[in-house]
Amino acid sequence: MAGEFTAQLSTRMGYWRLYMVLLNTTERWPEYDFGRAVPVPTYTERTEALSALGFELVPGAAWQWVEDSEIPDDLASPVLLIAATTVRTTGVGGAA
């Protein structure tokens, strides 16, 4: 596996989870579970999680945060935060 990928950070079943978006593949998407709902994983924790999965930020990449809703089209729905950035494989760790 080589190239650039999108890493996303979101809550799943109440816990923060980092995963790589691997489109057009049958491979399971690598993921890292932070095992907690709060606080939001820090930049350092996200970097360490990426490393554990065999990825690193592409030079110049930044985390972009977007807001979504738990129930689409319901303005009173709880807010979900999703972060994304561009990563590449490192050749070590889970993605090697």
PDB file of N, CA and C in Angstrom:
ATOM      1  N   MET A   1       0.852  -1.173   0.000  1.00  0.00           N
ATOM      2  CA  MET A   1       0.000   0.000   0.000  1.00  0.00           C
ATOM      3  C   MET A   1       0.896   1.233   0.000  1.00  0.00           C
ATOM      4  N   ALA A   2       0.737   2.067  -0.992  1.00  0.00           N
ATOM      5  CA  ALA A   2       1.533   3.286  -1.078  1.00  0.00           C
ATOM      6  C   ALA A   2       0.648   4.425  -1.553  1.00  0.00           C
ATOM      7  N   GLY A   3       1.102   5.626  -1.342  1.00  0.00           N
ATOM      8  CA  GLY A   3       0.366   6.790  -1.796  1.00  0.00           C
ATOM      9  C   GLY A   3      -0.140   7.618  -0.638  1.00  0.00           C
ATOM     10  N   GLU A   4      -1.060   8.517  -0.952  1.00  0.00           N
ATOM     11  CA  GLU A   4      -1.651   9.380   0.056  1.00  0.00           C
ATOM     12  C   GLU A   4      -3.078   8.930   0.333  1.00  0.00           C
ATOM     13  N   PHE A   5      -3.482   9.094   1.586  1.00  0.00           N
ATOM     14  CA  PHE A   5      -4.795   8.654   2.030  1.00  0.00           C
ATOM     15  C   PHE A   5      -5.407   9.717   2.931  1.00  0.00           C
ATOM     16  N   THR A   6      -6.695   9.579   3.183  1.00  0.00           N
ATOM     17  CA  THR A   6      -7.370  10.448   4.133  1.00  0.00           C
ATOM     18  C   THR A   6      -7.496   9.717   5.460  1.00  0.00           C
ATOM     19  N   ALA A   7      -7.065  10.385   6.517  1.00  0.00           N
ATOM     20  CA  ALA A   7      -7.280   9.878   7.867  1.00  0.00           C
ATOM     21  C   ALA A   7      -8.439  10.669   8.442  1.00  0.00           C
ATOM     22  N   GLN A   8      -9.358   9.974   9.111  1.00  0.00           N
ATOM     23  CA  GLN A   8     -10.486  10.650   9.736  1.00  0.00           C
ATOM     24  C   GLN A   8     -10.544  10.289  11.209  1.00  0.00           C
ATOM     25  N   LEU A   9     -10.985  11.256  11.992  1.00  0.00           N
ATOM     26  CA  LEU A   9     -11.150  11.094  13.434  1.00  0.00           C
ATOM     27  C   LEU A   9     -12.593  11.429  13.750  1.00  0.00           C
ATOM     28  N   SER A  10     -13.302  10.501  14.397  1.00  0.00           N
ATOM     29  CA  SER A  10     -14.689  10.745  14.762  1.00  0.00           C
ATOM     30  C   SER A  10     -15.039   9.875  15.963  1.00  0.00           C
ATOM     31  N   THR A  11     -16.210  10.111  16.497  1.00  0.00           N
ATOM     32  CA  THR A  11     -16.670   9.255  17.586  1.00  0.00           C
ATOM     33  C   THR A  11     -17.507   8.134  16.997  1.00  0.00           C
ATOM     34  N   ARG A  12     -17.309   6.966  17.550  1.00  0.00           N
ATOM     35  CA  ARG A  12     -18.068   5.789  17.128  1.00  0.00           C
ATOM     36  C   ARG A  12     -18.429   5.029  18.386  1.00  0.00           C
ATOM     37  N   MET A  13     -19.722   4.849  18.596  1.00  0.00           N
ATOM     38  CA  MET A  13     -20.216   4.199  19.804  1.00  0.00           C
ATOM     39  C   MET A  13     -19.700   4.913  21.047  1.00  0.00           C
ATOM     40  N   GLY A  14     -19.586   6.239  20.944  1.00  0.00           N
ATOM     41  CA  GLY A  14     -19.222   7.051  22.098  1.00  0.00           C
ATOM     42  C   GLY A  14     -17.737   7.247  22.328  1.00  0.00           C
ATOM     43  N   TYR A  15     -16.875   6.627  21.518  1.00  0.00           N
ATOM     44  CA  TYR A  15     -15.434   6.729  21.720  1.00  0.00           C
ATOM     45  C   TYR A  15     -14.758   7.303  20.479  1.00  0.00           C
ATOM     46  N   TRP A  16     -13.687   8.051  20.699  1.00  0.00           N
ATOM     47  CA  TRP A  16     -12.915   8.601  19.581  1.00  0.00           C
ATOM     48  C   TRP A  16     -12.174   7.482  18.869  1.00  0.00           C
ATOM     49  N   ARG A  17     -12.248   7.511  17.545  1.00  0.00           N
ATOM     50  CA  ARG A  17     -11.606   6.490  16.715  1.00  0.00           C
ATOM     51  C   ARG A  17     -10.960   7.179  15.520  1.00  0.00           C
ATOM     52  N   LEU A  18      -9.741   6.784  15.210  1.00  0.00           N
ATOM     53  CA  LEU A  18      -9.002   7.277  14.046  1.00  0.00           C
ATOM     54  C   LEU A  18      -8.961   6.150  13.033  1.00  0.00           C
ATOM     55  N   TYR A  19      -9.256   6.457  11.783  1.00  0.00           N
ATOM     56  CA  TYR A  19      -9.228   5.414  10.751  1.00  0.00           C
ATOM     57  C   TYR A  19      -8.766   5.991   9.429  1.00  0.00           C
ATOM     58  N   MET A  20      -8.190   5.126   8.597  1.00  0.00           N
ATOM     59  CA  MET A  20      -7.723   5.508   7.269  1.00  0.00           C
ATOM     60  C   MET A  20      -8.799   5.137   6.267  1.00  0.00           C
ATOM     61  N   VAL A  21      -9.116   6.046   5.366  1.00  0.00           N
ATOM     62  CA  VAL A  21     -10.111   5.803   4.327  1.00  0.00           C
ATOM     63  C   VAL A  21      -9.391   5.192   3.129  1.00  0.00           C
ATOM     64  N   LEU A  22      -9.655   3.932   2.883  1.00  0.00           N
ATOM     65  CA  LEU A  22      -9.015   3.205   1.778  1.00  0.00           C
ATOM     66  C   LEU A  22     -10.087   2.866   0.745  1.00  0.00           C
ATOM     67  N   LEU A  23     -10.316   3.778  -0.184  1.00  0.00           N
ATOM     68  CA  LEU A  23     -11.339   3.572  -1.202  1.00  0.00           C
ATOM     69  C   LEU A  23     -10.865   2.585  -2.254  1.00  0.00           C
ATOM     70  N   ASN A  24     -11.814   1.941  -2.897  1.00  0.00           N
ATOM     71  CA  ASN A  24     -11.545   1.008  -3.997  1.00  0.00           C
ATOM     72  C   ASN A  24     -10.614  -0.125  -3.587  1.00  0.00           C
ATOM     73  N   THR A  25     -10.820  -0.633  -2.392  1.00  0.00           N
ATOM     74  CA  THR A  25     -10.015  -1.760  -1.917  1.00  0.00           C
ATOM     75  C   THR A  25     -10.889  -2.689  -1.092  1.00  0.00           C
ATOM     76  N   THR A  26     -10.465  -3.929  -1.011  1.00  0.00           N
ATOM     77  CA  THR A  26     -11.172  -4.877  -0.161  1.00  0.00           C
ATOM     78  C   THR A  26     -10.490  -4.995   1.200  1.00  0.00           C
ATOM     79  N   GLU A  27      -9.385  -4.275   1.370  1.00  0.00           N
ATOM     80  CA  GLU A  27      -8.660  -4.298   2.633  1.00  0.00           C
ATOM     81  C   GLU A  27      -9.491  -3.652   3.734  1.00  0.00           C
ATOM     82  N   ARG A  28      -9.328  -4.154   4.929  1.00  0.00           N
ATOM     83  CA  ARG A  28      -9.979  -3.532   6.078  1.00  0.00           C
ATOM     84  C   ARG A  28      -9.277  -2.211   6.371  1.00  0.00           C
ATOM     85  N   TRP A  29     -10.055  -1.178   6.644  1.00  0.00           N
ATOM     86  CA  TRP A  29      -9.486   0.126   6.935  1.00  0.00           C
ATOM     87  C   TRP A  29      -8.762   0.080   8.275  1.00  0.00           C
ATOM     88  N   PRO A  30      -7.484   0.450   8.318  1.00  0.00           N
ATOM     89  CA  PRO A  30      -6.765   0.495   9.599  1.00  0.00           C
ATOM     90  C   PRO A  30      -7.437   1.501  10.533  1.00  0.00           C
ATOM     91  N   GLU A  31      -7.545   1.136  11.798  1.00  0.00           N
ATOM     92  CA  GLU A  31      -8.162   2.049  12.754  1.00  0.00           C
ATOM     93  C   GLU A  31      -7.509   1.952  14.118  1.00  0.00           C
ATOM     94  N   TYR A  32      -7.674   3.014  14.867  1.00  0.00           N
ATOM     95  CA  TYR A  32      -7.112   3.128  16.215  1.00  0.00           C
ATOM     96  C   TYR A  32      -8.207   3.656  17.129  1.00  0.00           C
ATOM     97  N   ASP A  33      -8.484   2.940  18.205  1.00  0.00           N
ATOM     98  CA  ASP A  33      -9.514   3.324  19.170  1.00  0.00           C
ATOM     99  C   ASP A  33      -8.845   3.976  20.373  1.00  0.00           C
ATOM    100  N   PHE A  34      -9.211   5.224  20.644  1.00  0.00           N
ATOM    101  CA  PHE A  34      -8.636   5.925  21.792  1.00  0.00           C
ATOM    102  C   PHE A  34      -9.261   5.482  23.109  1.00  0.00           C
ATOM    103  N   GLY A  35     -10.387   4.760  23.058  1.00  0.00           N
ATOM    104  CA  GLY A  35     -10.988   4.194  24.250  1.00  0.00           C
ATOM    105  C   GLY A  35     -11.604   5.204  25.208  1.00  0.00           C
ATOM    106  N   ARG A  36     -11.958   6.368  24.688  1.00  0.00           N
ATOM    107  CA  ARG A  36     -12.562   7.374  25.564  1.00  0.00           C
ATOM    108  C   ARG A  36     -13.427   8.324  24.742  1.00  0.00           C
ATOM    109  N   ALA A  37     -14.347   8.969  25.447  1.00  0.00           N
ATOM    110  CA  ALA A  37     -15.218   9.958  24.819  1.00  0.00           C
ATOM    111  C   ALA A  37     -14.661  11.370  24.986  1.00  0.00           C
ATOM    112  N   VAL A  38     -14.043  11.643  26.112  1.00  0.00           N
ATOM    113  CA  VAL A  38     -13.451  12.960  26.393  1.00  0.00           C
ATOM    114  C   VAL A  38     -12.131  12.757  27.113  1.00  0.00           C
ATOM    115  N   PRO A  39     -11.201  13.655  26.925  1.00  0.00           N
ATOM    116  CA  PRO A  39     -11.239  14.775  25.986  1.00  0.00           C
ATOM    117  C   PRO A  39     -10.948  14.314  24.567  1.00  0.00           C
ATOM    118  N   VAL A  40     -11.124  15.248  23.640  1.00  0.00           N
ATOM    119  CA  VAL A  40     -10.767  14.985  22.241  1.00  0.00           C
ATOM    120  C   VAL A  40      -9.271  14.672  22.190  1.00  0.00           C
ATOM    121  N   PRO A  41      -8.858  13.641  21.449  1.00  0.00           N
ATOM    122  CA  PRO A  41      -7.426  13.332  21.348  1.00  0.00           C
ATOM    123  C   PRO A  41      -6.616  14.542  20.891  1.00  0.00           C
ATOM    124  N   THR A  42      -5.499  14.761  21.555  1.00  0.00           N
ATOM    125  CA  THR A  42      -4.628  15.888  21.231  1.00  0.00           C
ATOM    126  C   THR A  42      -3.905  15.637  19.904  1.00  0.00           C
ATOM    127  N   TYR A  43      -3.294  16.682  19.392  1.00  0.00           N
ATOM    128  CA  TYR A  43      -2.497  16.562  18.171  1.00  0.00           C
ATOM    129  C   TYR A  43      -1.420  15.486  18.350  1.00  0.00           C
ATOM    130  N   THR A  44      -0.744  15.502  19.497  1.00  0.00           N
ATOM    131  CA  THR A  44       0.310  14.520  19.768  1.00  0.00           C
ATOM    132  C   THR A  44      -0.259  13.110  19.810  1.00  0.00           C
ATOM    133  N   GLU A  45      -1.401  12.921  20.455  1.00  0.00           N
ATOM    134  CA  GLU A  45      -2.012  11.591  20.507  1.00  0.00           C
ATOM    135  C   GLU A  45      -2.418  11.112  19.108  1.00  0.00           C
ATOM    136  N   ARG A  46      -2.944  12.016  18.293  1.00  0.00           N
ATOM    137  CA  ARG A  46      -3.321  11.645  16.934  1.00  0.00           C
ATOM    138  C   ARG A  46      -2.101  11.256  16.114  1.00  0.00           C
ATOM    139  N   THR A  47      -1.008  12.005  16.275  1.00  0.00           N
ATOM    140  CA  THR A  47       0.235  11.697  15.564  1.00  0.00           C
ATOM    141  C   THR A  47       0.773  10.335  15.981  1.00  0.00           C
ATOM    142  N   GLU A  48       0.744  10.043  17.279  1.00  0.00           N
ATOM    143  CA  GLU A  48       1.206   8.750  17.776  1.00  0.00           C
ATOM    144  C   GLU A  48       0.319   7.612  17.271  1.00  0.00           C
ATOM    145  N   ALA A  49      -0.984   7.846  17.200  1.00  0.00           N
ATOM    146  CA  ALA A  49      -1.905   6.825  16.683  1.00  0.00           C
ATOM    147  C   ALA A  49      -1.639   6.565  15.202  1.00  0.00           C
ATOM    148  N   LEU A  50      -1.429   7.627  14.441  1.00  0.00           N
ATOM    149  CA  LEU A  50      -1.078   7.463  13.023  1.00  0.00           C
ATOM    150  C   LEU A  50       0.181   6.614  12.886  1.00  0.00           C
ATOM    151  N   SER A  51       1.181   6.924  13.681  1.00  0.00           N
ATOM    152  CA  SER A  51       2.441   6.195  13.643  1.00  0.00           C
ATOM    153  C   SER A  51       2.235   4.716  13.967  1.00  0.00           C
ATOM    154  N   ALA A  52       1.417   4.437  14.966  1.00  0.00           N
ATOM    155  CA  ALA A  52       1.146   3.047  15.347  1.00  0.00           C
ATOM    156  C   ALA A  52       0.487   2.274  14.206  1.00  0.00           C
ATOM    157  N   LEU A  53      -0.243   2.986  13.356  1.00  0.00           N
ATOM    158  CA  LEU A  53      -0.898   2.357  12.206  1.00  0.00           C
ATOM    159  C   LEU A  53      -0.023   2.337  10.953  1.00  0.00           C
ATOM    160  N   GLY A  54       1.173   2.957  11.049  1.00  0.00           N
ATOM    161  CA  GLY A  54       2.089   2.966   9.921  1.00  0.00           C
ATOM    162  C   GLY A  54       1.889   4.136   8.972  1.00  0.00           C
ATOM    163  N   PHE A  55       1.350   5.247   9.488  1.00  0.00           N
ATOM    164  CA  PHE A  55       1.101   6.427   8.664  1.00  0.00           C
ATOM    165  C   PHE A  55       1.724   7.655   9.314  1.00  0.00           C
ATOM    166  N   GLU A  56       1.844   8.704   8.522  1.00  0.00           N
ATOM    167  CA  GLU A  56       2.306  10.002   9.015  1.00  0.00           C
ATOM    168  C   GLU A  56       1.606  11.086   8.216  1.00  0.00           C
ATOM    169  N   LEU A  57       1.543  12.286   8.803  1.00  0.00           N
ATOM    170  CA  LEU A  57       0.968  13.413   8.072  1.00  0.00           C
ATOM    171  C   LEU A  57       1.815  13.734   6.850  1.00  0.00           C
ATOM    172  N   VAL A  58       1.172  14.068   5.751  1.00  0.00           N
ATOM    173  CA  VAL A  58       1.874  14.567   4.581  1.00  0.00           C
ATOM    174  C   VAL A  58       2.410  15.950   4.952  1.00  0.00           C
ATOM    175  N   PRO A  59       3.654  16.288   4.582  1.00  0.00           N
ATOM    176  CA  PRO A  59       4.176  17.618   4.921  1.00  0.00           C
ATOM    177  C   PRO A  59       3.202  18.728   4.513  1.00  0.00           C
ATOM    178  N   GLY A  60       2.940  19.617   5.438  1.00  0.00           N
ATOM    179  CA  GLY A  60       2.031  20.735   5.196  1.00  0.00           C
ATOM    180  C   GLY A  60       0.563  20.430   5.454  1.00  0.00           C
ATOM    181  N   ALA A  61       0.242  19.165   5.713  1.00  0.00           N
ATOM    182  CA  ALA A  61      -1.160  18.803   5.964  1.00  0.00           C
ATOM    183  C   ALA A  61      -1.596  19.298   7.338  1.00  0.00           C
ATOM    184  N   ALA A  62      -2.848  19.656   7.444  1.00  0.00           N
ATOM    185  CA  ALA A  62      -3.423  20.099   8.707  1.00  0.00           C
ATOM    186  C   ALA A  62      -4.740  19.364   8.925  1.00  0.00           C
ATOM    187  N   TRP A  63      -5.135  19.239  10.170  1.00  0.00           N
ATOM    188  CA  TRP A  63      -6.424  18.641  10.506  1.00  0.00           C
ATOM    189  C   TRP A  63      -7.524  19.652  10.208  1.00  0.00           C
ATOM    190  N   GLN A  64      -8.532  19.225   9.472  1.00  0.00           N
ATOM    191  CA  GLN A  64      -9.694  20.047   9.155  1.00  0.00           C
ATOM    192  C   GLN A  64     -10.899  19.475   9.903  1.00  0.00           C
ATOM    193  N   TRP A  65     -11.562  20.307  10.679  1.00  0.00           N
ATOM    194  CA  TRP A  65     -12.705  19.875  11.482  1.00  0.00           C
ATOM    195  C   TRP A  65     -14.002  20.310  10.820  1.00  0.00           C
ATOM    196  N   VAL A  66     -14.982  19.403  10.797  1.00  0.00           N
ATOM    197  CA  VAL A  66     -16.315  19.708  10.288  1.00  0.00           C
ATOM    198  C   VAL A  66     -17.344  19.246  11.313  1.00  0.00           C
ATOM    199  N   GLU A  67     -18.484  19.861  11.233  1.00  0.00           N
ATOM    200  CA  GLU A  67     -19.588  19.535  12.125  1.00  0.00           C
ATOM    201  C   GLU A  67     -20.645  18.777  11.341  1.00  0.00           C
ATOM    202  N   ASP A  68     -21.165  17.713  11.934  1.00  0.00           N
ATOM    203  CA  ASP A  68     -22.231  16.928  11.334  1.00  0.00           C
ATOM    204  C   ASP A  68     -23.315  16.776  12.399  1.00  0.00           C
ATOM    205  N   SER A  69     -24.397  16.152  12.049  1.00  0.00           N
ATOM    206  CA  SER A  69     -25.446  15.918  13.039  1.00  0.00           C
ATOM    207  C   SER A  69     -25.730  14.431  13.151  1.00  0.00           C
ATOM    208  N   GLU A  70     -26.090  14.023  14.345  1.00  0.00           N
ATOM    209  CA  GLU A  70     -26.390  12.615  14.582  1.00  0.00           C
ATOM    210  C   GLU A  70     -27.620  12.191  13.790  1.00  0.00           C
ATOM    211  N   ILE A  71     -28.594  13.103  13.699  1.00  0.00           N
ATOM    212  CA  ILE A  71     -29.818  12.844  12.938  1.00  0.00           C
ATOM    213  C   ILE A  71     -29.865  13.859  11.786  1.00  0.00           C
ATOM    214  N   PRO A  72     -29.656  13.397  10.568  1.00  0.00           N
ATOM    215  CA  PRO A  72     -29.633  14.318   9.423  1.00  0.00           C
ATOM    216  C   PRO A  72     -30.906  15.168   9.339  1.00  0.00           C
ATOM    217  N   ASP A  73     -30.731  16.417   8.972  1.00  0.00           N
ATOM    218  CA  ASP A  73     -31.826  17.373   8.773  1.00  0.00           C
ATOM    219  C   ASP A  73     -32.598  17.718  10.043  1.00  0.00           C
ATOM    220  N   ASP A  74     -32.074  17.369  11.210  1.00  0.00           N
ATOM    221  CA  ASP A  74     -32.704  17.735  12.488  1.00  0.00           C
ATOM    222  C   ASP A  74     -31.798  18.746  13.177  1.00  0.00           C
ATOM    223  N   LEU A  75     -32.200  20.015  13.171  1.00  0.00           N
ATOM    224  CA  LEU A  75     -31.374  21.069  13.744  1.00  0.00           C
ATOM    225  C   LEU A  75     -31.188  20.930  15.249  1.00  0.00           C
ATOM    226  N   ALA A  76     -32.015  20.151  15.911  1.00  0.00           N
ATOM    227  CA  ALA A  76     -31.883  19.933  17.355  1.00  0.00           C
ATOM    228  C   ALA A  76     -31.041  18.692  17.671  1.00  0.00           C
ATOM    229  N   SER A  77     -30.563  18.017  16.637  1.00  0.00           N
ATOM    230  CA  SER A  77     -29.780  16.795  16.810  1.00  0.00           C
ATOM    231  C   SER A  77     -28.439  17.081  17.487  1.00  0.00           C
ATOM    232  N   PRO A  78     -27.944  16.145  18.286  1.00  0.00           N
ATOM    233  CA  PRO A  78     -26.594  16.303  18.838  1.00  0.00           C
ATOM    234  C   PRO A  78     -25.560  16.460  17.727  1.00  0.00           C
ATOM    235  N   VAL A  79     -24.561  17.285  18.003  1.00  0.00           N
ATOM    236  CA  VAL A  79     -23.505  17.578  17.032  1.00  0.00           C
ATOM    237  C   VAL A  79     -22.431  16.489  17.078  1.00  0.00           C
ATOM    238  N   LEU A  80     -21.967  16.107  15.909  1.00  0.00           N
ATOM    239  CA  LEU A  80     -20.847  15.185  15.781  1.00  0.00           C
ATOM    240  C   LEU A  80     -19.701  15.948  15.139  1.00  0.00           C
ATOM    241  N   LEU A  81     -18.503  15.832  15.709  1.00  0.00           N
ATOM    242  CA  LEU A  81     -17.323  16.458  15.121  1.00  0.00           C
ATOM    243  C   LEU A  81     -16.514  15.399  14.385  1.00  0.00           C
ATOM    244  N   ILE A  82     -16.075  15.747  13.191  1.00  0.00           N
ATOM    245  CA  ILE A  82     -15.252  14.848  12.383  1.00  0.00           C
ATOM    246  C   ILE A  82     -14.041  15.641  11.911  1.00  0.00           C
ATOM    247  N   ALA A  83     -12.871  15.059  12.069  1.00  0.00           N
ATOM    248  CA  ALA A  83     -11.645  15.701  11.606  1.00  0.00           C
ATOM    249  C   ALA A  83     -11.047  14.831  10.500  1.00  0.00           C
ATOM    250  N   ALA A  84     -10.370  15.486   9.566  1.00  0.00           N
ATOM    251  CA  ALA A  84      -9.726  14.753   8.478  1.00  0.00           C
ATOM    252  C   ALA A  84      -8.420  15.438   8.123  1.00  0.00           C
ATOM    253  N   THR A  85      -7.484  14.634   7.632  1.00  0.00           N
ATOM    254  CA  THR A  85      -6.203  15.143   7.165  1.00  0.00           C
ATOM    255  C   THR A  85      -5.651  14.189   6.119  1.00  0.00           C
ATOM    256  N   THR A  86      -4.597  14.599   5.442  1.00  0.00           N
ATOM    257  CA  THR A  86      -3.960  13.761   4.438  1.00  0.00           C
ATOM    258  C   THR A  86      -2.719  13.102   5.033  1.00  0.00           C
ATOM    259  N   VAL A  87      -2.610  11.792   4.820  1.00  0.00           N
ATOM    260  CA  VAL A  87      -1.493  11.024   5.375  1.00  0.00           C
ATOM    261  C   VAL A  87      -0.845  10.179   4.279  1.00  0.00           C
ATOM    262  N   ARG A  88       0.303   9.642   4.619  1.00  0.00           N
ATOM    263  CA  ARG A  88       0.992   8.699   3.739  1.00  0.00           C
ATOM    264  C   ARG A  88       1.546   7.564   4.600  1.00  0.00           C
ATOM    265  N   THR A  89       1.869   6.456   3.958  1.00  0.00           N
ATOM    266  CA  THR A  89       2.432   5.336   4.697  1.00  0.00           C
ATOM    267  C   THR A  89       3.881   5.639   5.052  1.00  0.00           C
ATOM    268  N   THR A  90       4.330   5.043   6.165  1.00  0.00           N
ATOM    269  CA  THR A  90       5.707   5.228   6.600  1.00  0.00           C
ATOM    270  C   THR A  90       6.576   4.018   6.312  1.00  0.00           C
ATOM    271  N   GLY A  91       5.948   2.891   6.032  1.00  0.00           N
ATOM    272  CA  GLY A  91       6.715   1.667   5.815  1.00  0.00           C
ATOM    273  C   GLY A  91       6.975   0.920   7.103  1.00  0.00           C
ATOM    274  N   VAL A  92       6.508   1.453   8.238  1.00  0.00           N
ATOM    275  CA  VAL A  92       6.625   0.768   9.528  1.00  0.00           C
ATOM    276  C   VAL A  92       5.258   0.772  10.178  1.00  0.00           C
ATOM    277  N   GLY A  93       5.064  -0.114  11.143  1.00  0.00           N
ATOM    278  CA  GLY A  93       3.786  -0.137  11.849  1.00  0.00           C
ATOM    279  C   GLY A  93       2.765  -0.959  11.093  1.00  0.00           C
ATOM    280  N   GLY A  94       1.476  -0.676  11.353  1.00  0.00           N
ATOM    281  CA  GLY A  94       0.383  -1.477  10.857  1.00  0.00           C
ATOM    282  C   GLY A  94       0.181  -1.481   9.357  1.00  0.00           C
ATOM    283  N   ALA A  95       0.616  -0.489   8.635  1.00  0.00           N
ATOM    284  CA  ALA A  95       0.327  -0.402   7.204  1.00  0.00           C
ATOM    285  C   ALA A  95       1.462  -0.905   6.327  1.00  0.00           C
ATOM    286  N   ALA A  96       2.507  -1.419   6.895  1.00  0.00           N
ATOM    287  CA  ALA A  96       3.673  -1.836   6.107  1.00  0.00           C
ATOM    288  C   ALA A  96       3.357  -3.000   5.204  1.00  0.00           C
TER     289      ALA A  96
END
